[in-house]
């Protein structure tokens, strides 16, 4: 039932209900991006009503807007409507005075994720987890990869993503002795700054399966 409430259709945004914000944010980003560039721009930057070139400037009447101004205004309205239509009553109350998609998005982020101090604290916790993670002797590569992806996703959701080079180097120094030969060969033969994390884990998975 919860899955149905969130919605998985490309033509219908997911529903923000309860504590589902992290998943909602990811899927809402994908939903909005399918519209067009102005739609995503409405989320990233504050939309303001078009102004005249007078000194001082004054708001234009809508009949004076040019085509580009109309497009960005429509995008703001479209995204704001999408956000409002897919919030439960609790979250709707939080953003009911917001007049732009940017304000609504930021209000939800601050309430659901916390202010910058709290976000930085969450990032430090994930970074500590990242530094301490090691592959267990009884663990498979796929299980270890799943744990690494969980940490990667946590950082991504906090807008502090780990890049492939960081993940690759971390994996290579966190493996049990049984992978030492393969790990050493990769470090010698490959440029770790550009070596894809997915390729690395696939190579170790193939090696493990062959043993």
C-alpha atoms as a PDB file:
ATOM      1  CA  UNK A   1       0.000   0.000   0.000  1.00  0.00           C
ATOM      2  CA  UNK A   2       2.825   2.414   0.909  1.00  0.00           C
ATOM      3  CA  UNK A   3       4.431   1.754  -2.454  1.00  0.00           C
ATOM      4  CA  UNK A   4       1.184   2.619  -4.235  1.00  0.00           C
ATOM      5  CA  UNK A   5       0.842   5.839  -2.255  1.00  0.00           C
ATOM      6  CA  UNK A   6       4.319   6.917  -3.285  1.00  0.00           C
ATOM      7  CA  UNK A   7       3.580   6.277  -6.920  1.00  0.00           C
ATOM      8  CA  UNK A   8       6.028   4.813  -9.438  1.00  0.00           C
ATOM      9  CA  UNK A   9       4.526   6.202 -12.610  1.00  0.00           C
ATOM     10  CA  UNK A  10       6.566   8.547 -14.803  1.00  0.00           C
ATOM     11  CA  UNK A  11       3.414  10.633 -15.274  1.00  0.00           C
ATOM     12  CA  UNK A  12       2.582  10.977 -11.578  1.00  0.00           C
ATOM     13  CA  UNK A  13       4.881  12.314  -8.844  1.00  0.00           C
ATOM     14  CA  UNK A  14       5.491  10.239  -5.705  1.00  0.00           C
ATOM     15  CA  UNK A  15       3.563  11.079  -2.540  1.00  0.00           C
ATOM     16  CA  UNK A  16       5.418  12.638   0.394  1.00  0.00           C
ATOM     17  CA  UNK A  17       3.910  11.051   3.465  1.00  0.00           C
ATOM     18  CA  UNK A  18       5.328  10.464   6.925  1.00  0.00           C
ATOM     19  CA  UNK A  19       9.107  10.009   6.894  1.00  0.00           C
ATOM     20  CA  UNK A  20       9.526   9.182   3.209  1.00  0.00           C
ATOM     21  CA  UNK A  21      11.284  12.467   2.336  1.00  0.00           C
ATOM     22  CA  UNK A  22      14.641  10.996   1.287  1.00  0.00           C
ATOM     23  CA  UNK A  23      13.064   8.664  -1.279  1.00  0.00           C
ATOM     24  CA  UNK A  24      10.548  11.326  -2.285  1.00  0.00           C
ATOM     25  CA  UNK A  25      13.305  13.858  -3.008  1.00  0.00           C
ATOM     26  CA  UNK A  26      15.193  11.475  -5.303  1.00  0.00           C
ATOM     27  CA  UNK A  27      12.140  10.398  -7.248  1.00  0.00           C
ATOM     28  CA  UNK A  28      10.698  13.918  -7.386  1.00  0.00           C
ATOM     29  CA  UNK A  29      13.957  15.143  -8.926  1.00  0.00           C
ATOM     30  CA  UNK A  30      13.629  12.517 -11.636  1.00  0.00           C
ATOM     31  CA  UNK A  31       9.971  13.380 -12.176  1.00  0.00           C
ATOM     32  CA  UNK A  32      10.648  17.116 -12.533  1.00  0.00           C
ATOM     33  CA  UNK A  33      13.632  16.644 -14.844  1.00  0.00           C
ATOM     34  CA  UNK A  34      11.424  14.852 -17.356  1.00  0.00           C
ATOM     35  CA  UNK A  35       9.538  18.120 -17.944  1.00  0.00           C
ATOM     36  CA  UNK A  36      12.253  20.416 -19.292  1.00  0.00           C
ATOM     37  CA  UNK A  37      15.177  22.590 -18.230  1.00  0.00           C
ATOM     38  CA  UNK A  38      13.038  25.528 -16.972  1.00  0.00           C
ATOM     39  CA  UNK A  39      11.211  23.138 -14.630  1.00  0.00           C
ATOM     40  CA  UNK A  40      14.414  22.017 -12.940  1.00  0.00           C
ATOM     41  CA  UNK A  41      15.656  25.606 -12.943  1.00  0.00           C
ATOM     42  CA  UNK A  42      12.556  26.555 -10.955  1.00  0.00           C
ATOM     43  CA  UNK A  43      13.718  24.190  -8.207  1.00  0.00           C
ATOM     44  CA  UNK A  44      17.332  25.308  -8.248  1.00  0.00           C
ATOM     45  CA  UNK A  45      16.879  29.076  -8.397  1.00  0.00           C
ATOM     46  CA  UNK A  46      14.305  31.484  -7.051  1.00  0.00           C
ATOM     47  CA  UNK A  47      11.769  32.589  -9.661  1.00  0.00           C
ATOM     48  CA  UNK A  48      10.913  36.290  -9.518  1.00  0.00           C
ATOM     49  CA  UNK A  49       8.341  38.228 -11.460  1.00  0.00           C
ATOM     50  CA  UNK A  50       9.775  39.940 -14.579  1.00  0.00           C
ATOM     51  CA  UNK A  51      10.766  43.561 -14.046  1.00  0.00           C
ATOM     52  CA  UNK A  52      10.974  46.533 -16.377  1.00  0.00           C
ATOM     53  CA  UNK A  53      14.258  48.218 -17.289  1.00  0.00           C
ATOM     54  CA  UNK A  54      13.115  51.434 -15.608  1.00  0.00           C
ATOM     55  CA  UNK A  55      15.045  53.082 -12.780  1.00  0.00           C
ATOM     56  CA  UNK A  56      13.814  51.982 -10.350  1.00  0.00           C
ATOM     57  CA  UNK A  57      12.443  48.807 -11.998  1.00  0.00           C
ATOM     58  CA  UNK A  58       8.820  47.836 -11.509  1.00  0.00           C
ATOM     59  CA  UNK A  59       6.994  44.587 -12.090  1.00  0.00           C
ATOM     60  CA  UNK A  60       5.847  44.042 -15.631  1.00  0.00           C
ATOM     61  CA  UNK A  61       2.219  43.418 -16.362  1.00  0.00           C
ATOM     62  CA  UNK A  62       1.708  39.862 -17.550  1.00  0.00           C
ATOM     63  CA  UNK A  63       0.756  41.122 -21.003  1.00  0.00           C
ATOM     64  CA  UNK A  64       4.248  42.637 -21.253  1.00  0.00           C
ATOM     65  CA  UNK A  65       6.113  39.392 -20.557  1.00  0.00           C
ATOM     66  CA  UNK A  66       8.244  38.024 -23.379  1.00  0.00           C
ATOM     67  CA  UNK A  67       8.153  34.365 -24.399  1.00  0.00           C
ATOM     68  CA  UNK A  68      11.119  33.308 -22.235  1.00  0.00           C
ATOM     69  CA  UNK A  69       9.608  34.966 -19.166  1.00  0.00           C
ATOM     70  CA  UNK A  70       6.337  33.173 -19.825  1.00  0.00           C
ATOM     71  CA  UNK A  71       8.121  29.819 -20.100  1.00  0.00           C
ATOM     72  CA  UNK A  72       9.933  30.196 -16.762  1.00  0.00           C
ATOM     73  CA  UNK A  73       6.797  31.467 -15.026  1.00  0.00           C
ATOM     74  CA  UNK A  74       4.835  28.478 -16.314  1.00  0.00           C
ATOM     75  CA  UNK A  75       7.616  26.132 -15.193  1.00  0.00           C
ATOM     76  CA  UNK A  76       7.514  27.560 -11.675  1.00  0.00           C
ATOM     77  CA  UNK A  77       3.744  27.123 -11.509  1.00  0.00           C
ATOM     78  CA  UNK A  78       3.924  23.600 -12.884  1.00  0.00           C
ATOM     79  CA  UNK A  79       6.566  22.435 -10.389  1.00  0.00           C
ATOM     80  CA  UNK A  80       4.902  24.207  -7.460  1.00  0.00           C
ATOM     81  CA  UNK A  81       1.665  22.441  -8.337  1.00  0.00           C
ATOM     82  CA  UNK A  82       3.474  19.092  -8.569  1.00  0.00           C
ATOM     83  CA  UNK A  83       4.970  19.586  -5.111  1.00  0.00           C
ATOM     84  CA  UNK A  84       1.676  20.651  -3.521  1.00  0.00           C
ATOM     85  CA  UNK A  85      -0.291  17.851  -5.152  1.00  0.00           C
ATOM     86  CA  UNK A  86       2.041  15.176  -3.817  1.00  0.00           C
ATOM     87  CA  UNK A  87       2.358  16.248  -0.177  1.00  0.00           C
ATOM     88  CA  UNK A  88       0.235  14.874   2.649  1.00  0.00           C
ATOM     89  CA  UNK A  89      -1.703  17.294   4.875  1.00  0.00           C
ATOM     90  CA  UNK A  90       1.183  17.744   7.311  1.00  0.00           C
ATOM     91  CA  UNK A  91       3.732  18.719   4.659  1.00  0.00           C
ATOM     92  CA  UNK A  92       1.195  20.847   2.775  1.00  0.00           C
ATOM     93  CA  UNK A  93       0.739  23.008   5.875  1.00  0.00           C
ATOM     94  CA  UNK A  94       4.496  23.598   5.967  1.00  0.00           C
ATOM     95  CA  UNK A  95       4.572  25.072   2.458  1.00  0.00           C
ATOM     96  CA  UNK A  96       1.102  26.596   2.122  1.00  0.00           C
ATOM     97  CA  UNK A  97       2.490  30.159   2.074  1.00  0.00           C
ATOM     98  CA  UNK A  98       5.198  29.390  -0.510  1.00  0.00           C
ATOM     99  CA  UNK A  99       4.673  31.099  -3.837  1.00  0.00           C
ATOM    100  CA  UNK A 100       7.584  29.564  -5.725  1.00  0.00           C
ATOM    101  CA  UNK A 101       8.810  26.005  -6.287  1.00  0.00           C
ATOM    102  CA  UNK A 102      12.211  27.031  -4.939  1.00  0.00           C
ATOM    103  CA  UNK A 103      10.729  28.161  -1.609  1.00  0.00           C
ATOM    104  CA  UNK A 104       8.588  25.040  -1.285  1.00  0.00           C
ATOM    105  CA  UNK A 105      11.517  22.739  -2.036  1.00  0.00           C
ATOM    106  CA  UNK A 106      13.834  24.512   0.418  1.00  0.00           C
ATOM    107  CA  UNK A 107      11.201  24.613   3.151  1.00  0.00           C
ATOM    108  CA  UNK A 108      10.637  20.867   2.904  1.00  0.00           C
ATOM    109  CA  UNK A 109      14.379  20.213   2.840  1.00  0.00           C
ATOM    110  CA  UNK A 110      15.037  22.295   5.941  1.00  0.00           C
ATOM    111  CA  UNK A 111      12.170  20.760   7.909  1.00  0.00           C
ATOM    112  CA  UNK A 112      12.824  17.168   6.849  1.00  0.00           C
ATOM    113  CA  UNK A 113      16.625  17.214   6.734  1.00  0.00           C
ATOM    114  CA  UNK A 114      17.402  19.930   9.275  1.00  0.00           C
ATOM    115  CA  UNK A 115      19.404  23.150   9.118  1.00  0.00           C
ATOM    116  CA  UNK A 116      22.997  23.343   7.900  1.00  0.00           C
ATOM    117  CA  UNK A 117      24.407  22.465  11.334  1.00  0.00           C
ATOM    118  CA  UNK A 118      22.334  19.296  11.528  1.00  0.00           C
ATOM    119  CA  UNK A 119      23.151  18.374   7.922  1.00  0.00           C
ATOM    120  CA  UNK A 120      26.878  18.782   8.590  1.00  0.00           C
ATOM    121  CA  UNK A 121      26.512  16.578  11.660  1.00  0.00           C
ATOM    122  CA  UNK A 122      24.779  13.905   9.559  1.00  0.00           C
ATOM    123  CA  UNK A 123      27.561  14.147   6.974  1.00  0.00           C
ATOM    124  CA  UNK A 124      30.205  13.658   9.670  1.00  0.00           C
ATOM    125  CA  UNK A 125      28.418  10.514  10.869  1.00  0.00           C
ATOM    126  CA  UNK A 126      28.340   9.054   7.373  1.00  0.00           C
ATOM    127  CA  UNK A 127      31.991   9.966   6.799  1.00  0.00           C
ATOM    128  CA  UNK A 128      32.924   8.178  10.008  1.00  0.00           C
ATOM    129  CA  UNK A 129      30.986   5.131   8.839  1.00  0.00           C
ATOM    130  CA  UNK A 130      32.793   5.318   5.494  1.00  0.00           C
ATOM    131  CA  UNK A 131      36.239   5.481   7.103  1.00  0.00           C
ATOM    132  CA  UNK A 132      35.521   2.542   9.374  1.00  0.00           C
ATOM    133  CA  UNK A 133      33.870   0.201   6.906  1.00  0.00           C
ATOM    134  CA  UNK A 134      35.808  -2.963   6.084  1.00  0.00           C
ATOM    135  CA  UNK A 135      34.866  -6.112   4.214  1.00  0.00           C
ATOM    136  CA  UNK A 136      34.420  -9.003   6.625  1.00  0.00           C
ATOM    137  CA  UNK A 137      36.155 -12.332   5.980  1.00  0.00           C
ATOM    138  CA  UNK A 138      32.771 -14.083   5.853  1.00  0.00           C
ATOM    139  CA  UNK A 139      31.218 -11.458   3.583  1.00  0.00           C
ATOM    140  CA  UNK A 140      30.795 -11.735  -0.191  1.00  0.00           C
ATOM    141  CA  UNK A 141      31.742  -8.966  -2.600  1.00  0.00           C
ATOM    142  CA  UNK A 142      28.070  -8.402  -3.404  1.00  0.00           C
ATOM    143  CA  UNK A 143      27.232  -7.973   0.267  1.00  0.00           C
ATOM    144  CA  UNK A 144      30.126  -5.567   0.736  1.00  0.00           C
ATOM    145  CA  UNK A 145      29.142  -3.680  -2.413  1.00  0.00           C
ATOM    146  CA  UNK A 146      25.616  -3.314  -1.013  1.00  0.00           C
ATOM    147  CA  UNK A 147      26.988  -1.746   2.170  1.00  0.00           C
ATOM    148  CA  UNK A 148      29.203   0.609   0.176  1.00  0.00           C
ATOM    149  CA  UNK A 149      26.257   1.675  -1.975  1.00  0.00           C
ATOM    150  CA  UNK A 150      24.181   2.391   1.133  1.00  0.00           C
ATOM    151  CA  UNK A 151      26.886   4.759   2.376  1.00  0.00           C
ATOM    152  CA  UNK A 152      27.278   6.335  -1.069  1.00  0.00           C
ATOM    153  CA  UNK A 153      23.534   6.966  -1.262  1.00  0.00           C
ATOM    154  CA  UNK A 154      23.452   8.476   2.233  1.00  0.00           C
ATOM    155  CA  UNK A 155      26.133  10.994   1.243  1.00  0.00           C
ATOM    156  CA  UNK A 156      24.412  11.733  -2.058  1.00  0.00           C
ATOM    157  CA  UNK A 157      21.144  12.477  -0.269  1.00  0.00           C
ATOM    158  CA  UNK A 158      23.018  14.971   1.926  1.00  0.00           C
ATOM    159  CA  UNK A 159      24.446  16.707  -1.178  1.00  0.00           C
ATOM    160  CA  UNK A 160      27.963  15.528  -0.347  1.00  0.00           C
ATOM    161  CA  UNK A 161      28.498  12.711  -2.865  1.00  0.00           C
ATOM    162  CA  UNK A 162      31.452  10.344  -2.899  1.00  0.00           C
ATOM    163  CA  UNK A 163      33.004  10.131  -6.346  1.00  0.00           C
ATOM    164  CA  UNK A 164      34.207   6.906  -7.953  1.00  0.00           C
ATOM    165  CA  UNK A 165      37.896   7.583  -7.284  1.00  0.00           C
ATOM    166  CA  UNK A 166      37.229   7.871  -3.544  1.00  0.00           C
ATOM    167  CA  UNK A 167      35.131   4.700  -3.502  1.00  0.00           C
ATOM    168  CA  UNK A 168      37.639   2.727  -5.571  1.00  0.00           C
ATOM    169  CA  UNK A 169      40.549   3.619  -3.297  1.00  0.00           C
ATOM    170  CA  UNK A 170      38.497   2.855  -0.207  1.00  0.00           C
ATOM    171  CA  UNK A 171      37.508  -0.596  -1.481  1.00  0.00           C
ATOM    172  CA  UNK A 172      41.073  -1.483  -2.433  1.00  0.00           C
ATOM    173  CA  UNK A 173      42.335  -0.808   1.085  1.00  0.00           C
ATOM    174  CA  UNK A 174      39.358  -2.490   2.785  1.00  0.00           C
ATOM    175  CA  UNK A 175      39.439  -5.987   1.297  1.00  0.00           C
ATOM    176  CA  UNK A 176      40.410  -9.248   3.025  1.00  0.00           C
ATOM    177  CA  UNK A 177      43.764 -10.857   2.216  1.00  0.00           C
ATOM    178  CA  UNK A 178      42.168 -13.266  -0.266  1.00  0.00           C
ATOM    179  CA  UNK A 179      41.727 -10.392  -2.732  1.00  0.00           C
ATOM    180  CA  UNK A 180      45.244  -8.990  -2.346  1.00  0.00           C
ATOM    181  CA  UNK A 181      46.595 -10.348  -5.628  1.00  0.00           C
ATOM    182  CA  UNK A 182      43.768  -8.899  -7.714  1.00  0.00           C
ATOM    183  CA  UNK A 183      43.785  -5.628  -5.798  1.00  0.00           C
ATOM    184  CA  UNK A 184      47.539  -5.178  -6.288  1.00  0.00           C
ATOM    185  CA  UNK A 185      47.237  -5.908 -10.017  1.00  0.00           C
ATOM    186  CA  UNK A 186      44.488  -3.291 -10.424  1.00  0.00           C
ATOM    187  CA  UNK A 187      46.459  -0.633  -8.569  1.00  0.00           C
ATOM    188  CA  UNK A 188      49.467  -1.244 -10.823  1.00  0.00           C
ATOM    189  CA  UNK A 189      47.607  -1.474 -14.130  1.00  0.00           C
ATOM    190  CA  UNK A 190      44.797   1.063 -13.743  1.00  0.00           C
ATOM    191  CA  UNK A 191      44.487   4.794 -13.177  1.00  0.00           C
ATOM    192  CA  UNK A 192      42.493   4.845  -9.951  1.00  0.00           C
ATOM    193  CA  UNK A 193      41.405   8.436 -10.542  1.00  0.00           C
ATOM    194  CA  UNK A 194      39.322   7.386 -13.558  1.00  0.00           C
ATOM    195  CA  UNK A 195      38.617   3.695 -12.881  1.00  0.00           C
ATOM    196  CA  UNK A 196      34.826   3.184 -12.511  1.00  0.00           C
ATOM    197  CA  UNK A 197      33.615   1.898  -9.161  1.00  0.00           C
ATOM    198  CA  UNK A 198      31.070  -0.404 -10.833  1.00  0.00           C
ATOM    199  CA  UNK A 199      33.770  -1.955 -13.024  1.00  0.00           C
ATOM    200  CA  UNK A 200      35.950  -2.589  -9.983  1.00  0.00           C
ATOM    201  CA  UNK A 201      33.212  -4.379  -8.063  1.00  0.00           C
ATOM    202  CA  UNK A 202      32.264  -6.443 -11.125  1.00  0.00           C
ATOM    203  CA  UNK A 203      35.871  -7.569 -11.519  1.00  0.00           C
ATOM    204  CA  UNK A 204      36.032  -8.662  -7.878  1.00  0.00           C
ATOM    205  CA  UNK A 205      32.662 -10.387  -8.192  1.00  0.00           C
ATOM    206  CA  UNK A 206      33.884 -12.387 -11.206  1.00  0.00           C
ATOM    207  CA  UNK A 207      37.097 -13.276  -9.392  1.00  0.00           C
ATOM    208  CA  UNK A 208      35.201 -14.406  -6.280  1.00  0.00           C
ATOM    209  CA  UNK A 209      32.797 -16.512  -8.344  1.00  0.00           C
ATOM    210  CA  UNK A 210      35.694 -18.297 -10.043  1.00  0.00           C
ATOM    211  CA  UNK A 211      37.304 -19.428  -6.800  1.00  0.00           C
END
